[in-house]
């Protein structure tokens, strides 16, 4: 019985450690994903910029094609991931969801916690690129949730490319996987308990004999 209790304790500790490691890996994975998406978009923009520099396209043509390319970019299995571009002057250049706001200066755009969203986006990008958080309305146009984003600047055109994940969506996905881990732990625990009961029955029988 003592060994059984020790085994259950060790399995529980192992489960907690597995969940913590999974949460860390998922969080880092989300961050790596959005950073790579932004850098991939900048590489596409760079390609159009290079074509304008070698005379293959005018700068206006190159910028139009680059904007259309970024507007159509999607990632994740459900194509829910998208990117947008702000100008260094805080003007919205491309946003596939808020197309009606393109061309507007969003210098004063503020979230519910007082964070100057576009100012923060541009500031982080000018500092060399990085992660930042703010509250923003989801694609349903109703739900406001915290978002963790990554921004980086394309210097030749003073464009800031950004994408991000809604933190509550990340948490929901992590919780789903945590339930799977706990379910597997319960199956292991039941199997372990059955083995212990069998051992106790055998030991008891031997003791009686």
C-alpha atoms as a PDB file:
ATOM      1  CA  UNK A   1       0.000   0.000   0.000  1.00  0.00           C
ATOM      2  CA  UNK A   2       2.892   2.300   0.811  1.00  0.00           C
ATOM      3  CA  UNK A   3       4.523   1.581  -2.555  1.00  0.00           C
ATOM      4  CA  UNK A   4       1.179   2.147  -4.268  1.00  0.00           C
ATOM      5  CA  UNK A   5       0.779   5.562  -2.634  1.00  0.00           C
ATOM      6  CA  UNK A   6       4.339   6.483  -3.589  1.00  0.00           C
ATOM      7  CA  UNK A   7       3.685   5.414  -7.171  1.00  0.00           C
ATOM      8  CA  UNK A   8       0.517   7.515  -7.386  1.00  0.00           C
ATOM      9  CA  UNK A   9       2.396  10.522  -6.005  1.00  0.00           C
ATOM     10  CA  UNK A  10       5.210  10.117  -8.535  1.00  0.00           C
ATOM     11  CA  UNK A  11       2.715   9.765 -11.401  1.00  0.00           C
ATOM     12  CA  UNK A  12       0.881  12.881 -10.257  1.00  0.00           C
ATOM     13  CA  UNK A  13       4.134  14.840 -10.122  1.00  0.00           C
ATOM     14  CA  UNK A  14       5.000  13.576 -13.596  1.00  0.00           C
ATOM     15  CA  UNK A  15       1.613  14.689 -14.921  1.00  0.00           C
ATOM     16  CA  UNK A  16       1.984  18.192 -13.468  1.00  0.00           C
ATOM     17  CA  UNK A  17       5.467  18.479 -14.955  1.00  0.00           C
ATOM     18  CA  UNK A  18       4.204  17.294 -18.347  1.00  0.00           C
ATOM     19  CA  UNK A  19       1.425  19.894 -18.323  1.00  0.00           C
ATOM     20  CA  UNK A  20       3.838  22.673 -17.380  1.00  0.00           C
ATOM     21  CA  UNK A  21       6.283  21.656 -20.101  1.00  0.00           C
ATOM     22  CA  UNK A  22       3.438  21.497 -22.620  1.00  0.00           C
ATOM     23  CA  UNK A  23       2.201  24.998 -21.680  1.00  0.00           C
ATOM     24  CA  UNK A  24       5.726  26.389 -22.079  1.00  0.00           C
ATOM     25  CA  UNK A  25       6.238  24.635 -25.416  1.00  0.00           C
ATOM     26  CA  UNK A  26       2.882  25.796 -26.758  1.00  0.00           C
ATOM     27  CA  UNK A  27       3.446  29.408 -25.703  1.00  0.00           C
ATOM     28  CA  UNK A  28       6.898  29.447 -27.280  1.00  0.00           C
ATOM     29  CA  UNK A  29       5.468  27.749 -30.361  1.00  0.00           C
ATOM     30  CA  UNK A  30       2.783  30.413 -30.771  1.00  0.00           C
ATOM     31  CA  UNK A  31       5.409  33.143 -30.488  1.00  0.00           C
ATOM     32  CA  UNK A  32       7.720  31.447 -32.966  1.00  0.00           C
ATOM     33  CA  UNK A  33       4.813  31.028 -35.390  1.00  0.00           C
ATOM     34  CA  UNK A  34       3.774  34.682 -35.490  1.00  0.00           C
ATOM     35  CA  UNK A  35       7.380  35.875 -35.701  1.00  0.00           C
ATOM     36  CA  UNK A  36       8.092  33.579 -38.641  1.00  0.00           C
ATOM     37  CA  UNK A  37       4.875  34.675 -40.388  1.00  0.00           C
ATOM     38  CA  UNK A  38       5.854  38.353 -40.106  1.00  0.00           C
ATOM     39  CA  UNK A  39       9.378  37.673 -41.336  1.00  0.00           C
ATOM     40  CA  UNK A  40       7.986  35.600 -44.203  1.00  0.00           C
ATOM     41  CA  UNK A  41       5.713  38.493 -45.216  1.00  0.00           C
ATOM     42  CA  UNK A  42       8.646  40.914 -45.080  1.00  0.00           C
ATOM     43  CA  UNK A  43      10.599  38.567 -47.351  1.00  0.00           C
ATOM     44  CA  UNK A  44       7.729  38.712 -49.857  1.00  0.00           C
ATOM     45  CA  UNK A  45       7.643  42.523 -49.639  1.00  0.00           C
ATOM     46  CA  UNK A  46      11.421  42.583 -50.105  1.00  0.00           C
ATOM     47  CA  UNK A  47      10.984  40.609 -53.317  1.00  0.00           C
ATOM     48  CA  UNK A  48       8.643  43.222 -54.771  1.00  0.00           C
ATOM     49  CA  UNK A  49      10.919  46.021 -53.564  1.00  0.00           C
ATOM     50  CA  UNK A  50      13.892  44.405 -55.330  1.00  0.00           C
ATOM     51  CA  UNK A  51      11.891  44.182 -58.548  1.00  0.00           C
ATOM     52  CA  UNK A  52      11.186  47.913 -58.333  1.00  0.00           C
ATOM     53  CA  UNK A  53      14.849  48.640 -57.772  1.00  0.00           C
ATOM     54  CA  UNK A  54      16.004  46.719 -60.826  1.00  0.00           C
ATOM     55  CA  UNK A  55      13.433  48.453 -63.023  1.00  0.00           C
ATOM     56  CA  UNK A  56      11.138  45.487 -63.518  1.00  0.00           C
ATOM     57  CA  UNK A  57       8.301  47.349 -61.703  1.00  0.00           C
ATOM     58  CA  UNK A  58       7.621  50.925 -60.732  1.00  0.00           C
ATOM     59  CA  UNK A  59       7.620  51.550 -56.992  1.00  0.00           C
ATOM     60  CA  UNK A  60       3.860  52.137 -57.074  1.00  0.00           C
ATOM     61  CA  UNK A  61       3.282  48.819 -58.887  1.00  0.00           C
ATOM     62  CA  UNK A  62       5.573  46.999 -56.468  1.00  0.00           C
ATOM     63  CA  UNK A  63       3.797  48.449 -53.432  1.00  0.00           C
ATOM     64  CA  UNK A  64       0.366  47.585 -54.828  1.00  0.00           C
ATOM     65  CA  UNK A  65       1.407  43.994 -55.507  1.00  0.00           C
ATOM     66  CA  UNK A  66       3.051  43.700 -52.090  1.00  0.00           C
ATOM     67  CA  UNK A  67      -0.070  45.005 -50.352  1.00  0.00           C
ATOM     68  CA  UNK A  68      -2.271  42.524 -52.230  1.00  0.00           C
ATOM     69  CA  UNK A  69       0.088  39.666 -51.403  1.00  0.00           C
ATOM     70  CA  UNK A  70       0.052  40.432 -47.666  1.00  0.00           C
ATOM     71  CA  UNK A  71      -3.721  40.974 -47.696  1.00  0.00           C
ATOM     72  CA  UNK A  72      -4.215  37.448 -49.063  1.00  0.00           C
ATOM     73  CA  UNK A  73      -1.786  35.708 -46.712  1.00  0.00           C
ATOM     74  CA  UNK A  74      -3.338  33.238 -44.277  1.00  0.00           C
ATOM     75  CA  UNK A  75      -1.921  30.640 -41.932  1.00  0.00           C
ATOM     76  CA  UNK A  76      -3.117  27.918 -39.550  1.00  0.00           C
ATOM     77  CA  UNK A  77      -5.320  25.000 -40.600  1.00  0.00           C
ATOM     78  CA  UNK A  78      -8.500  27.075 -40.389  1.00  0.00           C
ATOM     79  CA  UNK A  79      -6.891  30.057 -42.183  1.00  0.00           C
ATOM     80  CA  UNK A  80      -7.690  32.263 -39.175  1.00  0.00           C
ATOM     81  CA  UNK A  81      -4.206  33.792 -39.071  1.00  0.00           C
ATOM     82  CA  UNK A  82      -3.728  37.030 -41.003  1.00  0.00           C
ATOM     83  CA  UNK A  83      -1.269  39.928 -41.161  1.00  0.00           C
ATOM     84  CA  UNK A  84      -1.670  43.675 -41.425  1.00  0.00           C
ATOM     85  CA  UNK A  85       0.554  46.622 -42.278  1.00  0.00           C
ATOM     86  CA  UNK A  86       0.758  50.023 -40.595  1.00  0.00           C
ATOM     87  CA  UNK A  87       2.834  52.903 -41.873  1.00  0.00           C
ATOM     88  CA  UNK A  88       5.502  54.446 -39.656  1.00  0.00           C
ATOM     89  CA  UNK A  89       3.208  57.502 -39.699  1.00  0.00           C
ATOM     90  CA  UNK A  90       0.461  55.337 -38.020  1.00  0.00           C
ATOM     91  CA  UNK A  91      -1.660  55.095 -41.188  1.00  0.00           C
ATOM     92  CA  UNK A  92      -3.288  51.710 -41.758  1.00  0.00           C
ATOM     93  CA  UNK A  93      -1.995  50.447 -45.080  1.00  0.00           C
ATOM     94  CA  UNK A  94      -3.389  46.897 -45.243  1.00  0.00           C
ATOM     95  CA  UNK A  95      -5.825  45.018 -43.036  1.00  0.00           C
ATOM     96  CA  UNK A  96      -7.763  42.079 -44.557  1.00  0.00           C
ATOM     97  CA  UNK A  97     -10.494  42.294 -41.895  1.00  0.00           C
ATOM     98  CA  UNK A  98     -10.777  46.075 -41.427  1.00  0.00           C
ATOM     99  CA  UNK A  99     -10.533  47.038 -45.087  1.00  0.00           C
ATOM    100  CA  UNK A 100     -12.820  50.037 -44.527  1.00  0.00           C
ATOM    101  CA  UNK A 101     -10.189  51.560 -42.201  1.00  0.00           C
ATOM    102  CA  UNK A 102      -7.332  51.376 -44.689  1.00  0.00           C
ATOM    103  CA  UNK A 103      -5.901  54.844 -45.263  1.00  0.00           C
ATOM    104  CA  UNK A 104      -6.993  56.065 -41.817  1.00  0.00           C
ATOM    105  CA  UNK A 105      -4.472  57.399 -39.342  1.00  0.00           C
ATOM    106  CA  UNK A 106      -4.783  55.323 -36.163  1.00  0.00           C
ATOM    107  CA  UNK A 107      -2.335  57.242 -33.984  1.00  0.00           C
ATOM    108  CA  UNK A 108      -4.869  57.642 -31.168  1.00  0.00           C
ATOM    109  CA  UNK A 109      -6.345  54.126 -31.291  1.00  0.00           C
ATOM    110  CA  UNK A 110      -6.561  52.988 -27.659  1.00  0.00           C
ATOM    111  CA  UNK A 111      -7.661  49.696 -26.122  1.00  0.00           C
ATOM    112  CA  UNK A 112      -9.771  49.282 -22.973  1.00  0.00           C
ATOM    113  CA  UNK A 113      -6.679  49.415 -20.745  1.00  0.00           C
ATOM    114  CA  UNK A 114      -5.428  52.672 -22.200  1.00  0.00           C
ATOM    115  CA  UNK A 115      -2.758  51.066 -24.411  1.00  0.00           C
ATOM    116  CA  UNK A 116      -2.086  53.115 -27.544  1.00  0.00           C
ATOM    117  CA  UNK A 117      -2.225  50.154 -29.898  1.00  0.00           C
ATOM    118  CA  UNK A 118      -0.802  51.570 -33.138  1.00  0.00           C
ATOM    119  CA  UNK A 119       1.755  53.698 -31.316  1.00  0.00           C
ATOM    120  CA  UNK A 120       2.900  50.557 -29.524  1.00  0.00           C
ATOM    121  CA  UNK A 121       3.052  48.570 -32.765  1.00  0.00           C
ATOM    122  CA  UNK A 122       5.204  51.186 -34.493  1.00  0.00           C
ATOM    123  CA  UNK A 123       7.400  51.783 -31.436  1.00  0.00           C
ATOM    124  CA  UNK A 124       8.227  48.091 -31.042  1.00  0.00           C
ATOM    125  CA  UNK A 125       8.987  47.740 -34.748  1.00  0.00           C
ATOM    126  CA  UNK A 126      11.250  50.800 -34.789  1.00  0.00           C
ATOM    127  CA  UNK A 127      13.182  49.308 -31.867  1.00  0.00           C
ATOM    128  CA  UNK A 128      14.097  46.319 -34.018  1.00  0.00           C
ATOM    129  CA  UNK A 129      10.926  44.253 -33.800  1.00  0.00           C
ATOM    130  CA  UNK A 130       9.368  42.370 -30.941  1.00  0.00           C
ATOM    131  CA  UNK A 131       6.343  41.078 -29.063  1.00  0.00           C
ATOM    132  CA  UNK A 132       3.682  43.198 -27.382  1.00  0.00           C
ATOM    133  CA  UNK A 133       0.130  42.849 -26.035  1.00  0.00           C
ATOM    134  CA  UNK A 134      -3.101  44.793 -26.334  1.00  0.00           C
ATOM    135  CA  UNK A 135      -6.876  44.247 -26.398  1.00  0.00           C
ATOM    136  CA  UNK A 136      -8.543  44.060 -29.793  1.00  0.00           C
ATOM    137  CA  UNK A 137     -11.875  43.081 -31.348  1.00  0.00           C
ATOM    138  CA  UNK A 138     -12.019  39.602 -32.857  1.00  0.00           C
ATOM    139  CA  UNK A 139     -13.166  38.802 -36.382  1.00  0.00           C
ATOM    140  CA  UNK A 140     -16.767  38.452 -35.147  1.00  0.00           C
ATOM    141  CA  UNK A 141     -16.785  42.222 -34.606  1.00  0.00           C
ATOM    142  CA  UNK A 142     -18.105  41.820 -31.049  1.00  0.00           C
ATOM    143  CA  UNK A 143     -15.689  39.946 -28.776  1.00  0.00           C
ATOM    144  CA  UNK A 144     -12.843  42.006 -27.318  1.00  0.00           C
ATOM    145  CA  UNK A 145      -9.910  39.910 -26.066  1.00  0.00           C
ATOM    146  CA  UNK A 146      -6.210  40.260 -25.206  1.00  0.00           C
ATOM    147  CA  UNK A 147      -3.893  39.706 -28.132  1.00  0.00           C
ATOM    148  CA  UNK A 148      -0.169  38.943 -28.214  1.00  0.00           C
ATOM    149  CA  UNK A 149       1.405  40.219 -31.407  1.00  0.00           C
ATOM    150  CA  UNK A 150       4.756  40.489 -33.156  1.00  0.00           C
ATOM    151  CA  UNK A 151       5.742  43.523 -35.233  1.00  0.00           C
ATOM    152  CA  UNK A 152       8.713  44.210 -37.479  1.00  0.00           C
ATOM    153  CA  UNK A 153       9.551  47.085 -39.810  1.00  0.00           C
ATOM    154  CA  UNK A 154      10.351  46.981 -43.516  1.00  0.00           C
ATOM    155  CA  UNK A 155      12.714  49.938 -43.632  1.00  0.00           C
ATOM    156  CA  UNK A 156      12.724  50.913 -47.349  1.00  0.00           C
ATOM    157  CA  UNK A 157       8.994  51.685 -47.359  1.00  0.00           C
ATOM    158  CA  UNK A 158       8.537  52.460 -43.649  1.00  0.00           C
ATOM    159  CA  UNK A 159       5.986  49.655 -43.362  1.00  0.00           C
ATOM    160  CA  UNK A 160       5.337  47.833 -40.105  1.00  0.00           C
ATOM    161  CA  UNK A 161       4.096  44.259 -40.528  1.00  0.00           C
ATOM    162  CA  UNK A 162       2.200  42.667 -37.622  1.00  0.00           C
ATOM    163  CA  UNK A 163       0.290  39.531 -36.734  1.00  0.00           C
ATOM    164  CA  UNK A 164      -0.788  37.952 -33.470  1.00  0.00           C
ATOM    165  CA  UNK A 165      -2.737  35.401 -31.452  1.00  0.00           C
ATOM    166  CA  UNK A 166      -5.683  35.977 -29.150  1.00  0.00           C
ATOM    167  CA  UNK A 167      -4.569  34.834 -25.713  1.00  0.00           C
ATOM    168  CA  UNK A 168      -7.944  33.314 -24.808  1.00  0.00           C
ATOM    169  CA  UNK A 169      -7.848  31.160 -27.960  1.00  0.00           C
ATOM    170  CA  UNK A 170      -4.355  30.000 -27.049  1.00  0.00           C
ATOM    171  CA  UNK A 171      -5.495  29.198 -23.497  1.00  0.00           C
ATOM    172  CA  UNK A 172      -8.516  27.244 -24.775  1.00  0.00           C
ATOM    173  CA  UNK A 173      -6.344  25.102 -27.030  1.00  0.00           C
ATOM    174  CA  UNK A 174      -3.855  24.479 -24.228  1.00  0.00           C
ATOM    175  CA  UNK A 175      -6.665  23.504 -21.836  1.00  0.00           C
ATOM    176  CA  UNK A 176      -8.011  21.006 -24.377  1.00  0.00           C
ATOM    177  CA  UNK A 177      -4.625  19.321 -24.575  1.00  0.00           C
ATOM    178  CA  UNK A 178      -4.285  19.407 -20.782  1.00  0.00           C
ATOM    179  CA  UNK A 179      -7.569  17.490 -20.499  1.00  0.00           C
ATOM    180  CA  UNK A 180      -6.116  14.840 -22.809  1.00  0.00           C
ATOM    181  CA  UNK A 181      -3.016  14.569 -20.618  1.00  0.00           C
ATOM    182  CA  UNK A 182      -5.141  14.225 -17.469  1.00  0.00           C
ATOM    183  CA  UNK A 183      -7.340  11.606 -19.137  1.00  0.00           C
ATOM    184  CA  UNK A 184      -4.275   9.571 -20.100  1.00  0.00           C
ATOM    185  CA  UNK A 185      -3.003   9.931 -16.521  1.00  0.00           C
ATOM    186  CA  UNK A 186      -6.317   8.605 -15.192  1.00  0.00           C
ATOM    187  CA  UNK A 187      -6.104   5.575 -17.491  1.00  0.00           C
ATOM    188  CA  UNK A 188      -2.565   4.914 -16.273  1.00  0.00           C
ATOM    189  CA  UNK A 189      -3.695   5.338 -12.665  1.00  0.00           C
ATOM    190  CA  UNK A 190      -6.548   2.843 -13.071  1.00  0.00           C
ATOM    191  CA  UNK A 191      -4.215   0.337 -14.681  1.00  0.00           C
ATOM    192  CA  UNK A 192      -1.704   0.866 -11.888  1.00  0.00           C
ATOM    193  CA  UNK A 193      -4.418   0.470  -9.224  1.00  0.00           C
ATOM    194  CA  UNK A 194      -5.617  -2.785 -10.797  1.00  0.00           C
ATOM    195  CA  UNK A 195      -2.060  -4.116 -10.762  1.00  0.00           C
ATOM    196  CA  UNK A 196      -1.631  -3.169  -7.090  1.00  0.00           C
ATOM    197  CA  UNK A 197      -4.921  -4.857  -6.148  1.00  0.00           C
ATOM    198  CA  UNK A 198      -3.815  -8.044  -7.905  1.00  0.00           C
ATOM    199  CA  UNK A 199      -0.478  -7.957  -6.093  1.00  0.00           C
ATOM    200  CA  UNK A 200      -2.205  -7.415  -2.730  1.00  0.00           C
ATOM    201  CA  UNK A 201      -4.569 -10.360  -3.381  1.00  0.00           C
ATOM    202  CA  UNK A 202      -1.627 -12.623  -4.259  1.00  0.00           C
ATOM    203  CA  UNK A 203       0.355 -11.477  -1.204  1.00  0.00           C
ATOM    204  CA  UNK A 204      -2.677 -12.018   1.021  1.00  0.00           C
ATOM    205  CA  UNK A 205      -3.201 -15.513  -0.391  1.00  0.00           C
ATOM    206  CA  UNK A 206       0.453 -16.411   0.186  1.00  0.00           C
ATOM    207  CA  UNK A 207       0.265 -14.992   3.721  1.00  0.00           C
ATOM    208  CA  UNK A 208      -2.803 -17.133   4.521  1.00  0.00           C
ATOM    209  CA  UNK A 209      -1.120 -20.274   3.174  1.00  0.00           C
END
